[in-house]
N, C-alpha and C. Protein backbone atom coordinates (compact mmCIF):
# COMPACT_ATOMS: atom_id res chain seq x y z
N MET A 1 3.65 59.05 -76.66
CA MET A 1 4.59 58.11 -76.58
C MET A 1 3.79 56.74 -75.88
N LYS A 2 4.36 55.50 -76.51
CA LYS A 2 3.20 54.29 -75.61
C LYS A 2 3.87 54.55 -74.60
N LYS A 3 4.05 53.53 -73.60
CA LYS A 3 3.76 52.81 -72.44
C LYS A 3 3.85 51.84 -72.86
N PRO A 4 5.07 50.86 -72.21
CA PRO A 4 5.71 49.36 -72.87
C PRO A 4 4.12 49.02 -71.17
N GLU A 5 4.16 47.58 -72.40
CA GLU A 5 3.80 46.10 -71.71
C GLU A 5 3.93 45.57 -70.77
N LYS A 6 2.97 45.72 -69.90
CA LYS A 6 3.28 44.92 -68.32
C LYS A 6 3.91 43.76 -68.71
N THR A 7 4.86 42.59 -69.05
CA THR A 7 4.97 41.20 -69.26
C THR A 7 4.40 40.56 -68.14
N THR A 8 3.67 39.50 -68.86
CA THR A 8 2.89 38.78 -67.70
C THR A 8 2.95 36.94 -68.38
N GLY A 9 2.94 36.34 -67.88
CA GLY A 9 2.89 35.47 -69.09
C GLY A 9 2.64 34.19 -67.85
N LEU A 10 2.36 33.09 -68.45
CA LEU A 10 2.51 31.56 -67.39
C LEU A 10 2.97 31.24 -67.21
N TYR A 11 3.84 31.58 -67.16
CA TYR A 11 5.23 30.43 -66.15
C TYR A 11 5.88 32.16 -65.00
N PHE A 12 5.50 33.32 -65.21
CA PHE A 12 5.68 34.25 -64.32
C PHE A 12 4.22 33.93 -63.88
N ASP A 13 3.50 33.86 -63.63
CA ASP A 13 1.62 34.17 -62.75
C ASP A 13 1.90 32.70 -62.15
N LYS A 14 2.45 31.22 -63.26
CA LYS A 14 3.03 30.10 -61.60
C LYS A 14 3.77 29.84 -60.56
N ILE A 15 5.68 31.16 -60.82
CA ILE A 15 5.59 31.06 -60.17
C ILE A 15 5.79 31.83 -58.61
N GLU A 16 4.69 32.92 -58.99
CA GLU A 16 3.70 34.08 -58.19
C GLU A 16 2.63 32.54 -57.18
N VAL A 17 2.04 31.68 -58.27
CA VAL A 17 1.05 31.09 -57.08
C VAL A 17 2.23 30.05 -56.46
N GLN A 18 3.16 29.29 -57.03
CA GLN A 18 3.59 28.74 -56.41
C GLN A 18 4.21 29.33 -54.63
N THR A 19 3.79 30.67 -54.71
CA THR A 19 5.21 31.20 -53.94
C THR A 19 4.39 31.72 -52.64
N GLN A 20 2.70 32.10 -53.78
CA GLN A 20 1.95 31.99 -51.91
C GLN A 20 1.67 31.17 -51.60
N ASN A 21 1.57 29.94 -52.61
CA ASN A 21 1.45 28.37 -51.57
C ASN A 21 2.41 28.30 -50.81
N SER A 22 3.31 28.00 -50.87
CA SER A 22 4.20 27.52 -49.95
C SER A 22 4.87 29.39 -48.62
N ARG A 23 4.86 30.07 -49.32
CA ARG A 23 3.83 30.58 -48.09
C ARG A 23 2.64 29.87 -46.51
N GLN A 24 2.18 30.49 -48.05
CA GLN A 24 0.33 29.84 -46.50
C GLN A 24 0.92 28.89 -46.95
N LEU A 25 1.57 27.07 -46.56
CA LEU A 25 1.80 25.86 -46.39
C LEU A 25 2.81 26.11 -45.36
N ASN A 26 3.87 27.26 -45.14
CA ASN A 26 4.62 27.41 -43.84
C ASN A 26 3.71 27.21 -43.30
N LYS A 27 3.05 28.43 -42.82
CA LYS A 27 2.06 28.32 -41.67
C LYS A 27 0.86 27.82 -41.43
N LEU A 28 0.45 27.71 -42.54
CA LEU A 28 0.39 25.81 -41.42
C LEU A 28 1.14 25.18 -40.89
N SER A 29 1.67 24.81 -41.82
CA SER A 29 3.08 24.46 -40.50
C SER A 29 3.31 24.37 -39.28
N LYS A 30 3.62 25.90 -38.64
CA LYS A 30 2.96 25.82 -38.24
C LYS A 30 2.01 26.00 -37.11
N VAL A 31 1.41 25.99 -37.17
CA VAL A 31 -0.18 25.75 -36.91
C VAL A 31 -0.26 24.01 -36.61
N HIS A 32 0.00 23.10 -37.57
CA HIS A 32 -1.02 22.22 -37.79
C HIS A 32 -0.18 21.37 -36.54
N HIS A 33 1.82 21.64 -37.12
CA HIS A 33 2.43 20.52 -36.72
C HIS A 33 4.04 21.27 -36.47
N PRO A 34 3.91 22.28 -35.45
CA PRO A 34 5.07 22.73 -35.11
C PRO A 34 6.01 21.69 -35.26
N LYS A 35 8.16 22.65 -34.84
CA LYS A 35 8.67 22.15 -34.99
C LYS A 35 8.45 21.65 -33.33
N HIS A 36 8.61 22.15 -32.09
CA HIS A 36 8.57 21.93 -31.13
C HIS A 36 7.23 20.57 -30.61
N TYR A 37 6.95 20.29 -30.55
CA TYR A 37 5.71 19.11 -30.16
C TYR A 37 6.39 18.47 -31.70
N ASN A 38 6.71 18.47 -32.35
CA ASN A 38 7.51 16.90 -33.33
C ASN A 38 9.16 16.47 -33.59
N THR A 39 10.31 16.37 -32.26
CA THR A 39 11.00 16.22 -32.07
C THR A 39 11.32 14.97 -32.11
N GLY A 40 10.17 14.47 -32.07
CA GLY A 40 10.36 12.18 -32.37
C GLY A 40 9.67 12.16 -32.56
N ASN A 41 9.80 10.22 -33.02
CA ASN A 41 8.63 9.62 -33.27
C ASN A 41 6.79 10.01 -32.70
N ILE A 42 7.19 10.77 -32.10
CA ILE A 42 5.52 10.86 -31.87
C ILE A 42 4.45 12.40 -31.73
N GLU A 43 4.14 12.84 -32.36
CA GLU A 43 3.46 13.93 -31.97
C GLU A 43 2.87 14.40 -30.66
N VAL A 44 3.36 14.84 -29.76
CA VAL A 44 2.58 14.87 -28.22
C VAL A 44 1.50 15.12 -28.69
N ILE A 45 0.11 15.79 -29.00
CA ILE A 45 -1.39 15.60 -29.16
C ILE A 45 -2.04 14.53 -29.61
N ASP A 46 -0.91 13.62 -30.27
CA ASP A 46 -1.51 11.87 -30.54
C ASP A 46 -1.25 11.24 -28.78
N ALA A 47 0.22 11.63 -28.27
CA ALA A 47 0.84 11.27 -27.29
C ALA A 47 -1.11 10.91 -26.29
N ILE A 48 -1.43 12.14 -25.43
CA ILE A 48 -2.26 12.85 -25.41
C ILE A 48 -2.99 12.54 -25.12
N VAL A 49 -4.04 11.93 -26.33
CA VAL A 49 -5.00 11.92 -26.69
C VAL A 49 -5.41 9.93 -26.62
N ASP A 50 -4.03 9.85 -27.04
CA ASP A 50 -4.18 7.93 -26.71
C ASP A 50 -3.67 8.16 -25.89
N TRP A 51 -3.58 8.60 -24.87
CA TRP A 51 -3.24 8.39 -22.80
C TRP A 51 -4.87 8.80 -22.34
N GLU A 52 -5.33 9.69 -22.51
CA GLU A 52 -6.93 10.14 -22.83
C GLU A 52 -6.31 10.48 -21.84
N LEU A 53 -6.03 11.71 -21.76
CA LEU A 53 -5.92 12.98 -20.91
C LEU A 53 -6.57 13.55 -20.46
N ASP A 54 -6.81 14.41 -19.67
CA ASP A 54 -7.76 16.03 -19.71
C ASP A 54 -6.88 16.75 -19.99
N PHE A 55 -7.22 18.18 -20.07
CA PHE A 55 -6.66 19.15 -20.29
C PHE A 55 -5.80 19.73 -19.28
N ILE A 56 -5.65 19.73 -18.27
CA ILE A 56 -5.04 19.86 -17.53
C ILE A 56 -3.69 19.31 -17.55
N GLU A 57 -4.06 17.30 -17.31
CA GLU A 57 -2.30 17.21 -17.81
C GLU A 57 -2.44 16.23 -19.46
N GLY A 58 -2.50 16.87 -19.94
CA GLY A 58 -2.52 17.55 -21.19
C GLY A 58 -1.41 18.50 -21.43
N ASN A 59 -1.28 19.78 -20.72
CA ASN A 59 -0.83 20.63 -20.91
C ASN A 59 0.52 20.34 -19.50
N VAL A 60 0.79 20.11 -18.65
CA VAL A 60 0.99 19.64 -18.16
C VAL A 60 2.16 18.51 -19.15
N VAL A 61 1.84 17.75 -19.64
CA VAL A 61 2.72 16.77 -20.59
C VAL A 61 3.00 17.86 -21.90
N LYS A 62 2.14 18.91 -22.32
CA LYS A 62 2.34 19.37 -23.85
C LYS A 62 3.91 20.55 -23.31
N TYR A 63 3.95 21.31 -22.03
CA TYR A 63 5.05 22.45 -21.56
C TYR A 63 6.08 21.95 -21.18
N VAL A 64 5.82 19.92 -20.85
CA VAL A 64 7.63 19.81 -20.69
C VAL A 64 8.38 19.08 -22.06
N THR A 65 6.80 18.22 -22.97
CA THR A 65 8.00 18.56 -23.83
C THR A 65 8.02 18.85 -24.96
N ARG A 66 8.04 19.88 -24.97
CA ARG A 66 8.51 21.31 -25.37
C ARG A 66 9.31 22.14 -25.51
N ALA A 67 10.26 22.19 -23.97
CA ALA A 67 10.40 22.77 -23.07
C ALA A 67 12.28 22.76 -23.98
N LYS A 68 12.35 21.60 -24.07
CA LYS A 68 13.40 22.07 -24.97
C LYS A 68 14.06 22.83 -25.63
N HIS A 69 12.99 22.40 -26.93
CA HIS A 69 12.74 22.77 -28.72
C HIS A 69 12.21 23.87 -28.65
N LYS A 70 11.57 24.93 -28.10
CA LYS A 70 10.43 26.30 -28.74
C LYS A 70 11.28 27.21 -27.99
N GLY A 71 12.19 26.91 -27.14
CA GLY A 71 13.06 28.92 -26.99
C GLY A 71 13.32 28.94 -25.66
N ASP A 72 11.84 28.22 -24.94
CA ASP A 72 12.45 29.06 -23.59
C ASP A 72 12.12 28.42 -22.76
N GLN A 73 12.68 27.13 -22.16
CA GLN A 73 12.93 26.22 -21.57
C GLN A 73 12.08 26.88 -19.98
N LEU A 74 12.80 27.26 -19.84
CA LEU A 74 11.73 27.83 -18.65
C LEU A 74 10.56 28.62 -17.97
N GLY A 75 10.33 28.87 -19.33
CA GLY A 75 8.80 29.74 -18.91
C GLY A 75 8.18 28.34 -19.45
N ASP A 76 8.20 27.26 -20.01
CA ASP A 76 7.60 26.43 -20.63
C ASP A 76 7.24 25.10 -19.45
N LEU A 77 8.75 25.37 -18.71
CA LEU A 77 8.28 24.52 -17.30
C LEU A 77 7.76 24.99 -16.10
N LYS A 78 8.22 25.98 -15.92
CA LYS A 78 7.33 27.36 -15.81
C LYS A 78 5.55 26.62 -15.54
N LYS A 79 5.28 27.24 -17.17
CA LYS A 79 3.91 26.48 -16.79
C LYS A 79 4.20 25.37 -16.66
N ALA A 80 4.13 24.26 -16.83
CA ALA A 80 4.02 22.23 -16.64
C ALA A 80 4.16 22.92 -15.18
N ARG A 81 4.53 23.48 -14.55
CA ARG A 81 4.52 23.24 -12.70
C ARG A 81 3.28 23.37 -12.60
N TRP A 82 2.55 25.14 -13.22
CA TRP A 82 2.01 26.31 -12.89
C TRP A 82 0.42 24.56 -12.70
N TYR A 83 0.82 23.92 -14.04
CA TYR A 83 -0.80 23.29 -14.40
C TYR A 83 -0.50 21.93 -12.97
N LEU A 84 0.48 21.54 -13.09
CA LEU A 84 0.64 20.07 -12.19
C LEU A 84 0.32 21.32 -10.79
N ASP A 85 0.88 22.11 -10.26
CA ASP A 85 1.04 22.44 -8.57
C ASP A 85 -1.08 22.76 -8.99
N TYR A 86 -1.98 23.12 -9.98
CA TYR A 86 -2.61 23.09 -9.59
C TYR A 86 -3.97 21.87 -9.62
N MET A 87 -3.16 21.25 -10.08
CA MET A 87 -3.82 19.26 -9.99
C MET A 87 -3.47 18.87 -8.59
N ILE A 88 -2.35 19.11 -7.83
CA ILE A 88 -1.90 19.27 -7.03
C ILE A 88 -2.65 19.40 -5.90
N ARG A 89 -3.42 21.22 -6.00
CA ARG A 89 -4.22 21.79 -5.03
C ARG A 89 -5.54 20.76 -5.05
N LYS A 90 -5.94 20.38 -6.36
CA LYS A 90 -7.10 19.77 -6.59
C LYS A 90 -7.24 18.37 -6.02
N LEU A 91 -6.49 17.96 -6.22
CA LEU A 91 -6.68 16.21 -5.84
C LEU A 91 -6.77 17.17 -3.78
N GLU A 92 -5.62 17.65 -3.81
CA GLU A 92 -6.11 17.58 -2.00
C GLU A 92 -6.89 18.09 -1.10
N LYS A 93 -7.89 18.63 -2.14
CA LYS A 93 -9.16 19.39 -1.49
C LYS A 93 -10.40 18.59 -1.97
N GLU A 94 -10.18 17.62 -3.06
CA GLU A 94 -10.62 16.33 -2.76
C GLU A 94 -10.47 15.53 -1.92
N ASN A 95 -9.11 15.24 -1.78
CA ASN A 95 -9.47 13.96 -0.45
C ASN A 95 -8.51 14.54 0.45
N GLY A 96 -9.36 15.98 0.86
CA GLY A 96 -9.11 16.45 2.48
C GLY A 96 -7.59 16.30 3.21
């Protein structure tokens, strides 16, 4: 007895490719433009760059601005405080 042939065709192949592309775009959007950094009109990284903040300052802004939107508000605020405390200790050492 002959095995039934697998049904393939351009239409079904195209759907599979579109599905794969959709999954890839979804993964990329979580990396490149995650919702917790895009809740207003300005993306957080654009503000950090425009304001010429350094790494530590940028992290304070990043964690404070995403705190309400990512799901761990307390954790993000504690991270922001850690970076802010780091900046304060550094300035206190520099200024005696």
